[in-house]
PDB file of N, CA and C in Angstrom:
ATOM      1  N   MET A   1       0.712  -1.313   0.491  1.00  0.00           N
ATOM      2  CA  MET A   1      -0.068  -0.330   0.144  1.00  0.00           C
ATOM      3  C   MET A   1       0.901   1.497   0.400  1.00  0.00           C
ATOM      4  N   ARG A   2      -0.088   2.448  -0.684  1.00  0.00           N
ATOM      5  CA  ARG A   2       1.195   3.555  -0.954  1.00  0.00           C
ATOM      6  C   ARG A   2       0.403   4.591   0.087  1.00  0.00           C
ATOM      7  N   THR A   3       1.432   5.278   0.975  1.00  0.00           N
ATOM      8  CA  THR A   3       1.237   5.971   1.921  1.00  0.00           C
ATOM      9  C   THR A   3       2.129   7.287   1.724  1.00  0.00           C
ATOM     10  N   ILE A   4       1.433   8.887   1.385  1.00  0.00           N
ATOM     11  CA  ILE A   4       2.677   9.489   1.938  1.00  0.00           C
ATOM     12  C   ILE A   4       2.377  10.323   2.960  1.00  0.00           C
ATOM     13  N   ILE A   5       3.530  10.605   2.975  1.00  0.00           N
ATOM     14  CA  ILE A   5       4.317  11.619   3.596  1.00  0.00           C
ATOM     15  C   ILE A   5       4.995  12.831   4.258  1.00  0.00           C
ATOM     16  N   GLU A   6       5.105  14.144   4.929  1.00  0.00           N
ATOM     17  CA  GLU A   6       6.248  14.713   4.480  1.00  0.00           C
ATOM     18  C   GLU A   6       7.243  14.768   6.308  1.00  0.00           C
ATOM     19  N   LEU A   7       7.907  15.074   4.877  1.00  0.00           N
ATOM     20  CA  LEU A   7       9.624  14.773   6.173  1.00  0.00           C
ATOM     21  C   LEU A   7       9.951  16.045   5.964  1.00  0.00           C
ATOM     22  N   PRO A   8      10.241  16.629   6.999  1.00  0.00           N
ATOM     23  CA  PRO A   8      11.378  17.844   7.321  1.00  0.00           C
ATOM     24  C   PRO A   8      13.450  17.280   6.580  1.00  0.00           C
ATOM     25  N   ASN A   9      13.688  18.178   6.026  1.00  0.00           N
ATOM     26  CA  ASN A   9      14.490  18.392   4.953  1.00  0.00           C
ATOM     27  C   ASN A   9      16.044  17.870   5.510  1.00  0.00           C
ATOM     28  N   ASP A  10      16.254  17.835   6.780  1.00  0.00           N
ATOM     29  CA  ASP A  10      17.230  17.667   7.449  1.00  0.00           C
ATOM     30  C   ASP A  10      17.041  15.737   7.777  1.00  0.00           C
ATOM     31  N   LEU A  11      16.043  15.280   8.089  1.00  0.00           N
ATOM     32  CA  LEU A  11      15.177  13.718   8.156  1.00  0.00           C
ATOM     33  C   LEU A  11      15.423  13.061   6.645  1.00  0.00           C
ATOM     34  N   LEU A  12      14.997  13.899   5.983  1.00  0.00           N
ATOM     35  CA  LEU A  12      14.948  13.127   4.750  1.00  0.00           C
ATOM     36  C   LEU A  12      16.599  12.904   4.131  1.00  0.00           C
ATOM     37  N   LYS A  13      17.333  14.430   3.858  1.00  0.00           N
ATOM     38  CA  LYS A  13      18.534  13.693   3.956  1.00  0.00           C
ATOM     39  C   LYS A  13      19.890  12.681   4.652  1.00  0.00           C
ATOM     40  N   THR A  14      19.118  12.498   5.839  1.00  0.00           N
ATOM     41  CA  THR A  14      19.463  11.442   7.068  1.00  0.00           C
ATOM     42  C   THR A  14      19.153  10.445   6.079  1.00  0.00           C
ATOM     43  N   LEU A  15      18.389   9.975   5.818  1.00  0.00           N
ATOM     44  CA  LEU A  15      16.961   8.362   5.596  1.00  0.00           C
ATOM     45  C   LEU A  15      17.895   8.529   4.459  1.00  0.00           C
ATOM     46  N   ASP A  16      18.009   9.028   3.284  1.00  0.00           N
ATOM     47  CA  ASP A  16      18.787   9.230   1.435  1.00  0.00           C
ATOM     48  C   ASP A  16      20.584   8.548   1.698  1.00  0.00           C
ATOM     49  N   GLN A  17      21.429   8.720   3.228  1.00  0.00           N
ATOM     50  CA  GLN A  17      22.658   8.865   3.597  1.00  0.00           C
ATOM     51  C   GLN A  17      22.389   7.295   4.424  1.00  0.00           C
ATOM     52  N   VAL A  18      21.221   7.123   4.771  1.00  0.00           N
ATOM     53  CA  VAL A  18      21.922   5.407   5.535  1.00  0.00           C
ATOM     54  C   VAL A  18      21.247   4.555   4.459  1.00  0.00           C
ATOM     55  N   ALA A  19      20.085   4.619   3.191  1.00  0.00           N
ATOM     56  CA  ALA A  19      19.893   4.027   2.077  1.00  0.00           C
ATOM     57  C   ALA A  19      21.037   4.246   1.009  1.00  0.00           C
ATOM     58  N   LYS A  20      21.705   5.111   1.622  1.00  0.00           N
ATOM     59  CA  LYS A  20      22.901   4.765   0.042  1.00  0.00           C
ATOM     60  C   LYS A  20      23.613   3.996   0.653  1.00  0.00           C
ATOM     61  N   GLY A  21      24.394   4.329   2.163  1.00  0.00           N
ATOM     62  CA  GLY A  21      25.492   3.556   2.540  1.00  0.00           C
ATOM     63  C   GLY A  21      24.653   2.012   2.794  1.00  0.00           C
ATOM     64  N   ARG A  22      23.603   1.409   2.976  1.00  0.00           N
ATOM     65  CA  ARG A  22      23.253   0.247   3.541  1.00  0.00           C
ATOM     66  C   ARG A  22      22.844  -0.229   2.088  1.00  0.00           C
ATOM     67  N   SER A  23      23.015   0.376   0.255  1.00  0.00           N
ATOM     68  CA  SER A  23      22.387  -0.395  -0.598  1.00  0.00           C
ATOM     69  C   SER A  23      20.622  -0.508   0.200  1.00  0.00           C
ATOM     70  N   LEU A  24      20.314  -0.174  -0.070  1.00  0.00           N
ATOM     71  CA  LEU A  24      18.430   0.080   0.369  1.00  0.00           C
ATOM     72  C   LEU A  24      18.072   1.237  -0.353  1.00  0.00           C
ATOM     73  N   SER A  25      17.093   1.342  -1.027  1.00  0.00           N
ATOM     74  CA  SER A  25      16.066   1.921  -1.410  1.00  0.00           C
ATOM     75  C   SER A  25      15.464   2.833   0.051  1.00  0.00           C
ATOM     76  N   ARG A  26      15.015   4.281  -0.132  1.00  0.00           N
ATOM     77  CA  ARG A  26      14.500   4.354   1.025  1.00  0.00           C
ATOM     78  C   ARG A  26      13.214   4.065   1.553  1.00  0.00           C
ATOM     79  N   ALA A  27      12.423   3.205   0.672  1.00  0.00           N
ATOM     80  CA  ALA A  27      11.308   2.584   1.042  1.00  0.00           C
ATOM     81  C   ALA A  27      11.883   2.031   1.429  1.00  0.00           C
ATOM     82  N   GLU A  28      12.495   0.803   1.264  1.00  0.00           N
ATOM     83  CA  GLU A  28      12.730  -0.301   2.722  1.00  0.00           C
ATOM     84  C   GLU A  28      13.362   0.541   3.696  1.00  0.00           C
ATOM     85  N   VAL A  29      14.032   1.534   3.519  1.00  0.00           N
ATOM     86  CA  VAL A  29      14.565   1.833   5.066  1.00  0.00           C
ATOM     87  C   VAL A  29      13.381   2.717   5.788  1.00  0.00           C
ATOM     88  N   ILE A  30      12.602   3.193   5.359  1.00  0.00           N
ATOM     89  CA  ILE A  30      11.239   3.110   6.162  1.00  0.00           C
ATOM     90  C   ILE A  30      10.651   1.837   6.466  1.00  0.00           C
ATOM     91  N   ARG A  31      10.299   1.746   6.071  1.00  0.00           N
ATOM     92  CA  ARG A  31       9.796  -0.197   6.063  1.00  0.00           C
ATOM     93  C   ARG A  31       9.975  -0.565   7.794  1.00  0.00           C
ATOM     94  N   ARG A  32      11.474  -0.413   7.553  1.00  0.00           N
ATOM     95  CA  ARG A  32      12.714  -1.363   8.564  1.00  0.00           C
ATOM     96  C   ARG A  32      12.388  -0.168  10.077  1.00  0.00           C
ATOM     97  N   ALA A  33      12.220   1.250   8.971  1.00  0.00           N
ATOM     98  CA  ALA A  33      12.322   1.591  11.040  1.00  0.00           C
ATOM     99  C   ALA A  33      11.507   1.726  11.078  1.00  0.00           C
ATOM    100  N   ILE A  34       9.769   1.512  10.875  1.00  0.00           N
ATOM    101  CA  ILE A  34       8.569   1.801  11.575  1.00  0.00           C
ATOM    102  C   ILE A  34       8.344   0.595  12.337  1.00  0.00           C
ATOM    103  N   THR A  35       8.619  -0.681  11.487  1.00  0.00           N
ATOM    104  CA  THR A  35       8.405  -1.793  12.262  1.00  0.00           C
ATOM    105  C   THR A  35       9.824  -2.188  13.432  1.00  0.00           C
ATOM    106  N   LEU A  36      10.775  -1.643  13.884  1.00  0.00           N
ATOM    107  CA  LEU A  36      11.443  -1.820  14.439  1.00  0.00           C
ATOM    108  C   LEU A  36      10.523  -0.951  15.163  1.00  0.00           C
ATOM    109  N   TYR A  37      10.329   0.487  15.195  1.00  0.00           N
ATOM    110  CA  TYR A  37       9.465   1.470  15.953  1.00  0.00           C
ATOM    111  C   TYR A  37       8.016   0.345  16.365  1.00  0.00           C
ATOM    112  N   LEU A  38       6.865  -0.131  16.417  1.00  0.00           N
ATOM    113  CA  LEU A  38       6.140  -1.098  16.174  1.00  0.00           C
ATOM    114  C   LEU A  38       6.611  -1.688  17.541  1.00  0.00           C
ATOM    115  N   LYS A  39       8.024  -2.491  17.280  1.00  0.00           N
ATOM    116  CA  LYS A  39       7.952  -3.581  17.903  1.00  0.00           C
ATOM    117  C   LYS A  39       8.324  -3.250  19.078  1.00  0.00           C
ATOM    118  N   HIS A  40       8.225  -2.068  19.870  1.00  0.00           N
ATOM    119  CA  HIS A  40       8.374  -1.685  21.066  1.00  0.00           C
ATOM    120  C   HIS A  40       7.584  -0.329  21.665  1.00  0.00           C
ATOM    121  N   GLU A  41       6.796  -0.113  20.553  1.00  0.00           N
ATOM    122  CA  GLU A  41       5.825   0.840  20.776  1.00  0.00           C
ATOM    123  C   GLU A  41       4.165   0.405  20.995  1.00  0.00           C
ATOM    124  N   ALA A  42       3.473  -0.511  20.088  1.00  0.00           N
ATOM    125  CA  ALA A  42       2.543  -1.693  19.609  1.00  0.00           C
ATOM    126  C   ALA A  42       2.465  -2.618  21.088  1.00  0.00           C
ATOM    127  N   PRO A  43       0.889  -2.121  21.237  1.00  0.00           N
ATOM    128  CA  PRO A  43       0.294  -2.755  22.782  1.00  0.00           C
ATOM    129  C   PRO A  43       0.961  -4.583  22.248  1.00  0.00           C
ATOM    130  N   THR A  44       0.530  -5.087  22.944  1.00  0.00           N
ATOM    131  CA  THR A  44       2.519  -6.418  22.954  1.00  0.00           C
ATOM    132  C   THR A  44      -0.071  -7.389  22.835  1.00  0.00           C
ATOM    133  N   MET A  45       0.454  -8.164  23.113  1.00  0.00           N
ATOM    134  CA  MET A  45      -1.302  -9.197  23.140  1.00  0.00           C
ATOM    135  C   MET A  45      -1.288  -9.243  25.234  1.00  0.00           C
ATOM    136  N   GLU A  46      -0.066  -9.646  25.370  1.00  0.00           N
ATOM    137  CA  GLU A  46      -0.488  -9.387  26.605  1.00  0.00           C
ATOM    138  C   GLU A  46      -1.100  -8.325  27.200  1.00  0.00           C
ATOM    139  N   GLN A  47      -0.713  -6.565  26.799  1.00  0.00           N
ATOM    140  CA  GLN A  47      -0.993  -6.118  27.897  1.00  0.00           C
ATOM    141  C   GLN A  47      -2.603  -6.273  26.970  1.00  0.00           C
ATOM    142  N   GLU A  48      -3.264  -6.698  25.905  1.00  0.00           N
ATOM    143  CA  GLU A  48      -4.401  -6.046  25.165  1.00  0.00           C
ATOM    144  C   GLU A  48      -5.606  -6.902  26.186  1.00  0.00           C
ATOM    145  N   ASP A  49      -4.869  -8.439  26.870  1.00  0.00           N
ATOM    146  CA  ASP A  49      -5.629  -9.020  27.309  1.00  0.00           C
ATOM    147  C   ASP A  49      -5.336  -8.643  28.781  1.00  0.00           C
ATOM    148  N   ALA A  50      -5.261  -8.462  29.338  1.00  0.00           N
ATOM    149  CA  ALA A  50      -4.129  -7.672  30.807  1.00  0.00           C
ATOM    150  C   ALA A  50      -5.403  -6.594  31.046  1.00  0.00           C
ATOM    151  N   PHE A  51      -5.446  -5.793  30.152  1.00  0.00           N
ATOM    152  CA  PHE A  51      -6.597  -4.277  29.840  1.00  0.00           C
ATOM    153  C   PHE A  51      -8.353  -5.062  30.343  1.00  0.00           C
ATOM    154  N   GLY A  52      -8.418  -4.164  31.670  1.00  0.00           N
ATOM    155  CA  GLY A  52      -9.641  -5.458  31.591  1.00  0.00           C
ATOM    156  C   GLY A  52     -10.106  -6.024  32.605  1.00  0.00           C
ATOM    157  N   LEU A  53      -8.575  -6.435  33.331  1.00  0.00           N
ATOM    158  CA  LEU A  53      -9.001  -7.522  33.564  1.00  0.00           C
ATOM    159  C   LEU A  53     -10.139  -7.983  34.708  1.00  0.00           C
ATOM    160  N   TRP A  54      -9.588  -6.734  35.736  1.00  0.00           N
ATOM    161  CA  TRP A  54     -10.778  -6.517  36.935  1.00  0.00           C
ATOM    162  C   TRP A  54     -12.364  -6.341  37.064  1.00  0.00           C
ATOM    163  N   ARG A  55     -12.009  -6.230  35.959  1.00  0.00           N
ATOM    164  CA  ARG A  55     -13.975  -5.564  35.797  1.00  0.00           C
ATOM    165  C   ARG A  55     -14.756  -6.364  36.023  1.00  0.00           C
ATOM    166  N   GLY A  56     -16.070  -6.368  36.625  1.00  0.00           N
ATOM    167  CA  GLY A  56     -16.832  -7.675  37.048  1.00  0.00           C
ATOM    168  C   GLY A  56     -16.443  -8.539  38.510  1.00  0.00           C
ATOM    169  N   ARG A  57     -15.210  -7.641  39.341  1.00  0.00           N
ATOM    170  CA  ARG A  57     -14.846  -8.335  39.954  1.00  0.00           C
ATOM    171  C   ARG A  57     -15.610  -7.881  41.572  1.00  0.00           C
ATOM    172  N   ASP A  58     -16.013  -8.292  42.386  1.00  0.00           N
ATOM    173  CA  ASP A  58     -16.477  -8.021  43.941  1.00  0.00           C
ATOM    174  C   ASP A  58     -15.436  -7.344  44.513  1.00  0.00           C
ATOM    175  N   LEU A  59     -14.671  -7.581  45.131  1.00  0.00           N
ATOM    176  CA  LEU A  59     -12.995  -7.562  45.057  1.00  0.00           C
ATOM    177  C   LEU A  59     -12.904  -6.600  45.007  1.00  0.00           C
ATOM    178  N   ASP A  60     -12.215  -5.665  45.246  1.00  0.00           N
ATOM    179  CA  ASP A  60     -11.725  -4.194  45.288  1.00  0.00           C
ATOM    180  C   ASP A  60      -9.985  -4.400  45.273  1.00  0.00           C
ATOM    181  N   ALA A  61      -9.433  -3.913  44.193  1.00  0.00           N
ATOM    182  CA  ALA A  61      -8.275  -4.660  43.890  1.00  0.00           C
ATOM    183  C   ALA A  61      -6.655  -4.208  45.262  1.00  0.00           C
ATOM    184  N   LEU A  62      -7.067  -3.422  45.497  1.00  0.00           N
ATOM    185  CA  LEU A  62      -5.999  -2.507  46.863  1.00  0.00           C
ATOM    186  C   LEU A  62      -6.992  -3.439  48.176  1.00  0.00           C
ATOM    187  N   ALA A  63      -8.046  -4.304  48.056  1.00  0.00           N
ATOM    188  CA  ALA A  63      -8.488  -4.780  49.058  1.00  0.00           C
ATOM    189  C   ALA A  63      -7.614  -6.483  49.723  1.00  0.00           C
ATOM    190  N   TYR A  64      -7.904  -6.915  47.724  1.00  0.00           N
ATOM    191  CA  TYR A  64      -7.037  -8.047  47.445  1.00  0.00           C
ATOM    192  C   TYR A  64      -5.545  -7.627  47.373  1.00  0.00           C
ATOM    193  N   GLU A  65      -4.884  -7.241  47.023  1.00  0.00           N
ATOM    194  CA  GLU A  65      -3.222  -7.181  47.748  1.00  0.00           C
ATOM    195  C   GLU A  65      -2.979  -6.985  49.321  1.00  0.00           C
ATOM    196  N   ASP A  66      -3.934  -5.965  49.718  1.00  0.00           N
ATOM    197  CA  ASP A  66      -3.896  -6.571  51.656  1.00  0.00           C
ATOM    198  C   ASP A  66      -4.263  -7.851  51.386  1.00  0.00           C
ATOM    199  N   SER A  67      -5.148  -8.383  50.976  1.00  0.00           N
ATOM    200  CA  SER A  67      -4.956  -9.809  52.007  1.00  0.00           C
ATOM    201  C   SER A  67      -4.196 -10.380  51.437  1.00  0.00           C
ATOM    202  N   LEU A  68      -3.223 -10.703  50.704  1.00  0.00           N
ATOM    203  CA  LEU A  68      -2.262 -11.367  50.256  1.00  0.00           C
ATOM    204  C   LEU A  68      -1.237 -11.273  51.039  1.00  0.00           C
ATOM    205  N   ARG A  69      -0.538  -9.708  51.133  1.00  0.00           N
ATOM    206  CA  ARG A  69       0.109  -9.668  52.277  1.00  0.00           C
ATOM    207  C   ARG A  69      -0.007 -10.024  53.936  1.00  0.00           C
ATOM    208  N   ALA A  70      -1.261 -10.196  54.148  1.00  0.00           N
ATOM    209  CA  ALA A  70      -1.892 -10.273  55.887  1.00  0.00           C
ATOM    210  C   ALA A  70      -1.381 -11.615  55.641  1.00  0.00           C
ATOM    211  N   GLU A  71      -1.166 -12.403  54.612  1.00  0.00           N
ATOM    212  CA  GLU A  71      -0.921 -13.539  54.775  1.00  0.00           C
ATOM    213  C   GLU A  71       0.778 -14.017  55.326  1.00  0.00           C
ATOM    214  N   TRP A  72       1.300 -13.095  55.230  1.00  0.00           N
ATOM    215  CA  TRP A  72       2.736 -12.657  54.924  1.00  0.00           C
ATOM    216  C   TRP A  72       3.304 -12.143  56.388  1.00  0.00           C
ATOM    217  N   GLY A  73       2.306 -12.149  57.074  1.00  0.00           N
ATOM    218  CA  GLY A  73       2.190 -11.221  58.907  1.00  0.00           C
ATOM    219  C   GLY A  73       1.517 -10.261  58.967  1.00  0.00           C
ATOM    220  N   SER A  74       1.329  -9.709  60.129  1.00  0.00           N
ATOM    221  CA  SER A  74      -0.159  -8.528  60.584  1.00  0.00           C
ATOM    222  C   SER A  74       0.350  -7.110  60.200  1.00  0.00           C
ATOM    223  N   GLU A  75       2.021  -7.257  59.947  1.00  0.00           N
ATOM    224  CA  GLU A  75       2.894  -6.175  59.964  1.00  0.00           C
ATOM    225  C   GLU A  75       2.515  -5.181  58.698  1.00  0.00           C
ATOM    226  N   VAL A  76       2.666  -6.351  57.347  1.00  0.00           N
ATOM    227  CA  VAL A  76       3.246  -6.700  56.549  1.00  0.00           C
ATOM    228  C   VAL A  76       1.525  -5.670  56.063  1.00  0.00           C
ATOM    229  N   GLY A  77       0.312  -5.757  56.434  1.00  0.00           N
ATOM    230  CA  GLY A  77      -0.977  -5.645  55.569  1.00  0.00           C
ATOM    231  C   GLY A  77      -1.090  -4.377  56.359  1.00  0.00           C
ATOM    232  N   GLU A  78      -0.156  -3.369  57.231  1.00  0.00           N
ATOM    233  CA  GLU A  78      -1.006  -2.038  57.777  1.00  0.00           C
ATOM    234  C   GLU A  78      -0.348  -1.316  56.675  1.00  0.00           C
ATOM    235  N   HIS A  79       0.184  -1.222  55.979  1.00  0.00           N
ATOM    236  CA  HIS A  79       0.589  -0.126  55.210  1.00  0.00           C
ATOM    237  C   HIS A  79       0.156   0.964  54.970  1.00  0.00           C
ATOM    238  N   ARG A  80      -1.497   0.769  54.674  1.00  0.00           N
ATOM    239  CA  ARG A  80      -2.265   1.853  53.847  1.00  0.00           C
ATOM    240  C   ARG A  80      -3.168   2.227  55.400  1.00  0.00           C
ATOM    241  N   THR A  81      -3.518   4.314  55.000  1.00  0.00           N
ATOM    242  CA  THR A  81      -4.386   4.514  55.637  1.00  0.00           C
ATOM    243  C   THR A  81      -5.653   4.295  55.338  1.00  0.00           C
ATOM    244  N   GLN A  82      -6.285   5.023  56.293  1.00  0.00           N
ATOM    245  CA  GLN A  82      -8.015   5.015  56.182  1.00  0.00           C
ATOM    246  C   GLN A  82      -8.482   4.452  55.086  1.00  0.00           C
ATOM    247  N   THR A  83      -7.980   6.332  54.259  1.00  0.00           N
ATOM    248  CA  THR A  83      -8.299   5.786  52.569  1.00  0.00           C
ATOM    249  C   THR A  83      -8.755   5.429  52.213  1.00  0.00           C
ATOM    250  N   GLY A  84      -6.869   3.808  51.984  1.00  0.00           N
ATOM    251  CA  GLY A  84      -6.489   3.251  51.099  1.00  0.00           C
ATOM    252  C   GLY A  84      -4.970   3.136  50.476  1.00  0.00           C
ATOM    253  N   SER A  85      -5.051   4.724  50.718  1.00  0.00           N
ATOM    254  CA  SER A  85      -3.675   5.482  50.263  1.00  0.00           C
ATOM    255  C   SER A  85      -2.807   4.182  50.139  1.00  0.00           C
ATOM    256  N   PRO A  86      -1.163   4.457  50.596  1.00  0.00           N
ATOM    257  CA  PRO A  86      -0.582   4.321  51.247  1.00  0.00           C
ATOM    258  C   PRO A  86       0.223   5.518  51.704  1.00  0.00           C
ATOM    259  N   LYS A  87       0.784   4.561  53.245  1.00  0.00           N
ATOM    260  CA  LYS A  87       1.531   5.517  54.003  1.00  0.00           C
ATOM    261  C   LYS A  87       3.111   6.262  53.607  1.00  0.00           C
ATOM    262  N   ALA A  88       2.641   7.421  53.887  1.00  0.00           N
ATOM    263  CA  ALA A  88       4.240   8.042  53.969  1.00  0.00           C
ATOM    264  C   ALA A  88       5.128   7.427  54.408  1.00  0.00           C
ATOM    265  N   PRO A  89       6.003   7.645  54.262  1.00  0.00           N
ATOM    266  CA  PRO A  89       7.491   6.659  54.636  1.00  0.00           C
ATOM    267  C   PRO A  89       7.413   7.338  55.590  1.00  0.00           C
TER     268      PRO A  89
END
């Protein structure tokens, strides 16, 4: 699929230097750059699967965390104030 993008002249010049140095077309360099960018920036399937994970549960996430910490000892679960926010150190 073709697309049109505008690039600043200095970026275009650098892009052409990279393409020439690697014996690639400008389009191939752009495809590779986009592929690398998306590998690092696009949400992974695990992130998408985790979104909304607590939806529909009757238990508050902080209360659940406190119940897990209570298994480790009574003093560990006492780190929250009455409002549910962490105590300042």
